[in-house]
């Protein structure tokens, strides 16, 4: 959960396969990173357009307080890393309700909570109404040339909106407006939430298609 993920084993010599008992856990974390590429790429595009960094201090969150060992990853995900040797830690949740990334369960509301996590799960929380697009994991992002189906996760009980970004991923064409933006909305329809995907706007033909909505939090 950083702008650039790189495994550097130059000095330690350790590689993902050096510890067979941990190999599968590492593989699953690498897959999660690849699944989050549409979300992170959109956050990077927003950074270029608005100046809001994709990885940012909690002080930039409304109603938050200064805390230095957790941070926001894009607009909707809060990351609370576990330090080596820790079995639990405190997490300061900003204003509003926050939900567990893996399960969709309510974690808390405007509160400080104590969490524990397995070795292969970083504590992650999503704001109420937060939308997170996920693609299938690939070994190389260049393999996701399209059409690329996405799983669109929604958390909490509030309606939500998210603008998905795409471009060719290779050139500086985006500086000339060659990109697309597509609005994804979770709206209430007779009390229940449903997902609505608007048409892509812009000259670039988005690679993303066949959205499958997944509402992570049980209806309330």
Protein backbone atom coordinates (compact mmCIF):
# COMPACT_ATOMS: atom_id res chain seq x y z
CA UNK A 1 0.00 0.00 0.00
CA UNK A 2 2.48 2.54 -1.32
CA UNK A 3 2.74 4.46 -4.60
CA UNK A 4 5.40 2.06 -5.89
CA UNK A 5 5.58 -1.54 -4.69
CA UNK A 6 8.97 -3.13 -5.19
CA UNK A 7 10.57 -6.14 -3.56
CA UNK A 8 14.25 -5.37 -3.05
CA UNK A 9 16.21 -8.41 -1.89
CA UNK A 10 19.62 -7.05 -2.86
CA UNK A 11 20.94 -6.85 0.71
CA UNK A 12 18.96 -9.42 2.64
CA UNK A 13 18.81 -12.08 -0.06
CA UNK A 14 15.28 -12.98 1.03
CA UNK A 15 12.78 -13.61 -1.74
CA UNK A 16 9.07 -14.51 -1.64
CA UNK A 17 9.99 -18.16 -2.08
CA UNK A 18 12.80 -18.14 0.52
CA UNK A 19 10.31 -19.08 3.26
CA UNK A 20 8.00 -21.79 1.89
CA UNK A 21 5.53 -21.36 4.76
CA UNK A 22 4.99 -17.70 3.78
CA UNK A 23 5.07 -18.03 0.00
CA UNK A 24 1.30 -18.38 -0.44
CA UNK A 25 0.60 -15.49 1.93
CA UNK A 26 2.96 -13.24 -0.03
CA UNK A 27 1.36 -14.36 -3.30
CA UNK A 28 -2.10 -13.37 -2.07
CA UNK A 29 -0.87 -9.91 -1.03
CA UNK A 30 0.74 -9.42 -4.44
CA UNK A 31 -2.54 -10.42 -6.07
CA UNK A 32 -4.43 -7.88 -3.97
CA UNK A 33 -2.04 -5.15 -5.09
CA UNK A 34 -2.63 -6.06 -8.73
CA UNK A 35 -6.39 -6.16 -8.21
CA UNK A 36 -6.24 -2.61 -6.86
CA UNK A 37 -4.52 -1.20 -9.98
CA UNK A 38 -7.70 0.52 -11.37
CA UNK A 39 -8.26 2.19 -7.99
CA UNK A 40 -4.64 3.32 -7.59
CA UNK A 41 -4.34 4.43 -11.22
CA UNK A 42 -7.43 6.59 -10.81
CA UNK A 43 -5.95 8.07 -7.62
CA UNK A 44 -2.74 8.86 -9.51
CA UNK A 45 -4.73 10.59 -12.26
CA UNK A 46 -6.61 12.63 -9.65
CA UNK A 47 -3.23 13.60 -8.16
CA UNK A 48 -2.08 14.94 -11.53
CA UNK A 49 -5.37 16.82 -12.00
CA UNK A 50 -6.10 18.19 -8.53
CA UNK A 51 -2.88 17.85 -6.53
CA UNK A 52 -4.44 15.53 -3.94
CA UNK A 53 -1.83 12.82 -3.27
CA UNK A 54 -2.89 9.16 -3.54
CA UNK A 55 -1.09 8.37 -0.28
CA UNK A 56 -1.88 11.04 2.28
CA UNK A 57 -1.69 11.96 5.94
CA UNK A 58 -4.77 11.57 8.10
CA UNK A 59 -4.82 15.32 8.80
CA UNK A 60 -6.25 15.74 5.31
CA UNK A 61 -9.35 13.78 6.36
CA UNK A 62 -12.29 15.76 7.74
CA UNK A 63 -12.58 15.45 11.49
CA UNK A 64 -9.30 13.55 11.81
CA UNK A 65 -6.49 14.09 14.30
CA UNK A 66 -2.74 13.91 13.93
CA UNK A 67 -1.65 10.29 13.86
CA UNK A 68 1.50 9.19 12.06
CA UNK A 69 1.23 5.39 11.84
CA UNK A 70 -1.81 5.12 9.55
CA UNK A 71 -2.73 6.82 6.29
CA UNK A 72 -5.22 7.08 3.44
CA UNK A 73 -4.67 5.05 0.27
CA UNK A 74 -6.71 6.81 -2.38
CA UNK A 75 -10.01 8.48 -1.46
CA UNK A 76 -11.73 5.60 0.35
CA UNK A 77 -9.25 3.17 1.97
CA UNK A 78 -7.57 3.69 5.35
CA UNK A 79 -4.39 1.64 5.92
CA UNK A 80 -3.18 0.79 9.44
CA UNK A 81 0.06 -1.21 9.08
CA UNK A 82 1.14 -3.71 11.72
CA UNK A 83 4.74 -3.32 12.85
CA UNK A 84 6.95 -6.39 13.32
CA UNK A 85 6.20 -8.01 16.67
CA UNK A 86 2.81 -6.31 17.13
CA UNK A 87 -0.21 -8.49 17.78
CA UNK A 88 -2.66 -5.61 17.99
CA UNK A 89 -2.74 -1.86 17.44
CA UNK A 90 -4.96 1.17 17.84
CA UNK A 91 -6.61 2.77 14.80
CA UNK A 92 -8.11 6.25 14.82
CA UNK A 93 -11.20 6.29 12.62
CA UNK A 94 -12.10 9.75 11.24
CA UNK A 95 -15.56 11.25 11.11
CA UNK A 96 -18.29 8.89 9.91
CA UNK A 97 -18.65 5.12 9.79
CA UNK A 98 -15.81 2.87 8.62
CA UNK A 99 -16.02 -0.74 7.48
CA UNK A 100 -13.55 -3.62 7.30
CA UNK A 101 -12.19 -4.06 3.79
CA UNK A 102 -12.19 -7.85 3.84
CA UNK A 103 -15.59 -8.47 5.41
CA UNK A 104 -17.65 -5.28 5.04
CA UNK A 105 -18.49 -5.35 8.75
CA UNK A 106 -18.76 -2.08 10.69
CA UNK A 107 -15.44 -1.30 12.36
CA UNK A 108 -16.50 1.86 14.17
CA UNK A 109 -17.65 5.44 13.87
CA UNK A 110 -15.54 8.46 14.76
CA UNK A 111 -13.69 6.38 17.34
CA UNK A 112 -10.36 4.85 18.31
CA UNK A 113 -10.49 1.08 18.04
CA UNK A 114 -8.05 -1.75 18.76
CA UNK A 115 -7.53 -4.30 16.02
CA UNK A 116 -5.52 -7.44 15.50
CA UNK A 117 -4.61 -8.96 12.18
CA UNK A 118 -3.21 -12.17 10.76
CA UNK A 119 0.26 -12.12 9.26
CA UNK A 120 -1.17 -11.98 5.75
CA UNK A 121 -3.79 -9.27 6.35
CA UNK A 122 -3.01 -5.59 6.73
CA UNK A 123 -5.81 -3.81 8.64
CA UNK A 124 -7.80 -1.92 6.00
CA UNK A 125 -10.96 0.14 6.39
CA UNK A 126 -13.30 1.75 3.88
CA UNK A 127 -15.44 4.82 4.51
CA UNK A 128 -19.25 4.63 4.49
CA UNK A 129 -20.41 4.83 0.87
CA UNK A 130 -16.90 4.09 -0.38
CA UNK A 131 -16.54 2.40 -3.78
CA UNK A 132 -13.45 0.36 -4.69
CA UNK A 133 -12.97 -1.08 -8.22
CA UNK A 134 -10.98 -4.32 -8.45
CA UNK A 135 -9.76 -6.19 -11.51
CA UNK A 136 -8.55 -9.77 -11.80
CA UNK A 137 -4.95 -10.25 -10.70
CA UNK A 138 -2.44 -10.48 -13.56
CA UNK A 139 1.32 -11.04 -13.50
CA UNK A 140 1.90 -7.95 -15.62
CA UNK A 141 -0.52 -5.03 -15.86
CA UNK A 142 0.21 -4.79 -19.58
CA UNK A 143 -1.74 -8.03 -19.94
CA UNK A 144 -4.91 -6.14 -18.93
CA UNK A 145 -5.40 -4.51 -22.31
CA UNK A 146 -9.16 -4.93 -22.34
CA UNK A 147 -11.92 -5.55 -22.33
CA UNK A 148 -11.26 -5.93 -18.59
CA UNK A 149 -14.15 -6.85 -16.29
CA UNK A 150 -14.20 -5.23 -12.86
CA UNK A 151 -15.63 -6.13 -9.49
CA UNK A 152 -17.07 -2.94 -8.01
CA UNK A 153 -17.21 -3.10 -4.21
CA UNK A 154 -19.41 -0.79 -2.18
CA UNK A 155 -19.11 -0.47 1.60
CA UNK A 156 -21.57 0.75 4.20
CA UNK A 157 -25.14 1.91 3.82
CA UNK A 158 -24.77 5.35 2.27
CA UNK A 159 -25.09 6.03 -1.43
CA UNK A 160 -21.74 6.56 -3.09
CA UNK A 161 -20.12 7.88 -6.24
CA UNK A 162 -16.74 7.13 -7.77
CA UNK A 163 -15.21 8.35 -11.03
CA UNK A 164 -13.11 5.67 -12.70
CA UNK A 165 -10.21 6.82 -14.88
CA UNK A 166 -8.46 5.11 -17.79
CA UNK A 167 -5.97 5.97 -20.54
CA UNK A 168 -3.50 4.10 -22.74
CA UNK A 169 -1.03 3.65 -19.87
CA UNK A 170 1.91 4.18 -22.19
CA UNK A 171 2.11 7.69 -23.63
CA UNK A 172 1.57 11.31 -22.60
CA UNK A 173 -1.68 11.42 -24.56
CA UNK A 174 -3.57 12.14 -21.34
CA UNK A 175 -1.95 15.59 -21.31
CA UNK A 176 -3.87 16.28 -24.53
CA UNK A 177 -7.12 14.95 -23.09
CA UNK A 178 -6.88 11.39 -24.44
CA UNK A 179 -8.40 9.60 -21.48
CA UNK A 180 -11.81 8.54 -20.21
CA UNK A 181 -13.71 9.03 -16.99
CA UNK A 182 -16.70 6.94 -16.01
CA UNK A 183 -19.03 7.62 -13.11
CA UNK A 184 -19.98 4.66 -10.91
CA UNK A 185 -22.85 5.20 -8.50
CA UNK A 186 -24.40 3.17 -5.71
CA UNK A 187 -27.95 4.48 -5.36
CA UNK A 188 -31.04 3.44 -3.46
CA UNK A 189 -33.81 1.83 -5.42
CA UNK A 190 -36.85 1.18 -3.26
CA UNK A 191 -34.70 0.98 -0.15
CA UNK A 192 -32.03 -1.37 -1.52
CA UNK A 193 -28.74 -0.23 -3.00
CA UNK A 194 -27.99 -0.91 -6.63
CA UNK A 195 -25.04 -0.11 -8.85
CA UNK A 196 -25.27 2.18 -11.87
CA UNK A 197 -22.42 2.73 -14.33
CA UNK A 198 -22.54 5.81 -16.53
CA UNK A 199 -21.16 5.88 -20.04
CA UNK A 200 -17.41 6.61 -20.34
CA UNK A 201 -16.74 10.27 -21.16
CA UNK A 202 -13.76 11.25 -23.26
CA UNK A 203 -12.03 10.24 -26.50
CA UNK A 204 -10.25 7.23 -25.00
CA UNK A 205 -12.13 3.92 -25.21
CA UNK A 206 -12.02 2.57 -21.67
CA UNK A 207 -10.70 -0.96 -21.26
CA UNK A 208 -13.08 -1.57 -18.35
CA UNK A 209 -16.35 -3.37 -18.97
CA UNK A 210 -18.79 -5.88 -17.50
CA UNK A 211 -19.04 -4.38 -14.03
CA UNK A 212 -20.08 -6.79 -11.29
CA UNK A 213 -21.31 -4.95 -8.22
CA UNK A 214 -20.63 -6.43 -4.80
CA UNK A 215 -22.28 -4.80 -1.80
CA UNK A 216 -20.00 -5.74 1.07
CA UNK A 217 -22.14 -4.54 3.98
CA UNK A 218 -25.41 -6.36 4.79
CA UNK A 219 -28.52 -4.27 4.13
CA UNK A 220 -29.77 -2.37 7.16
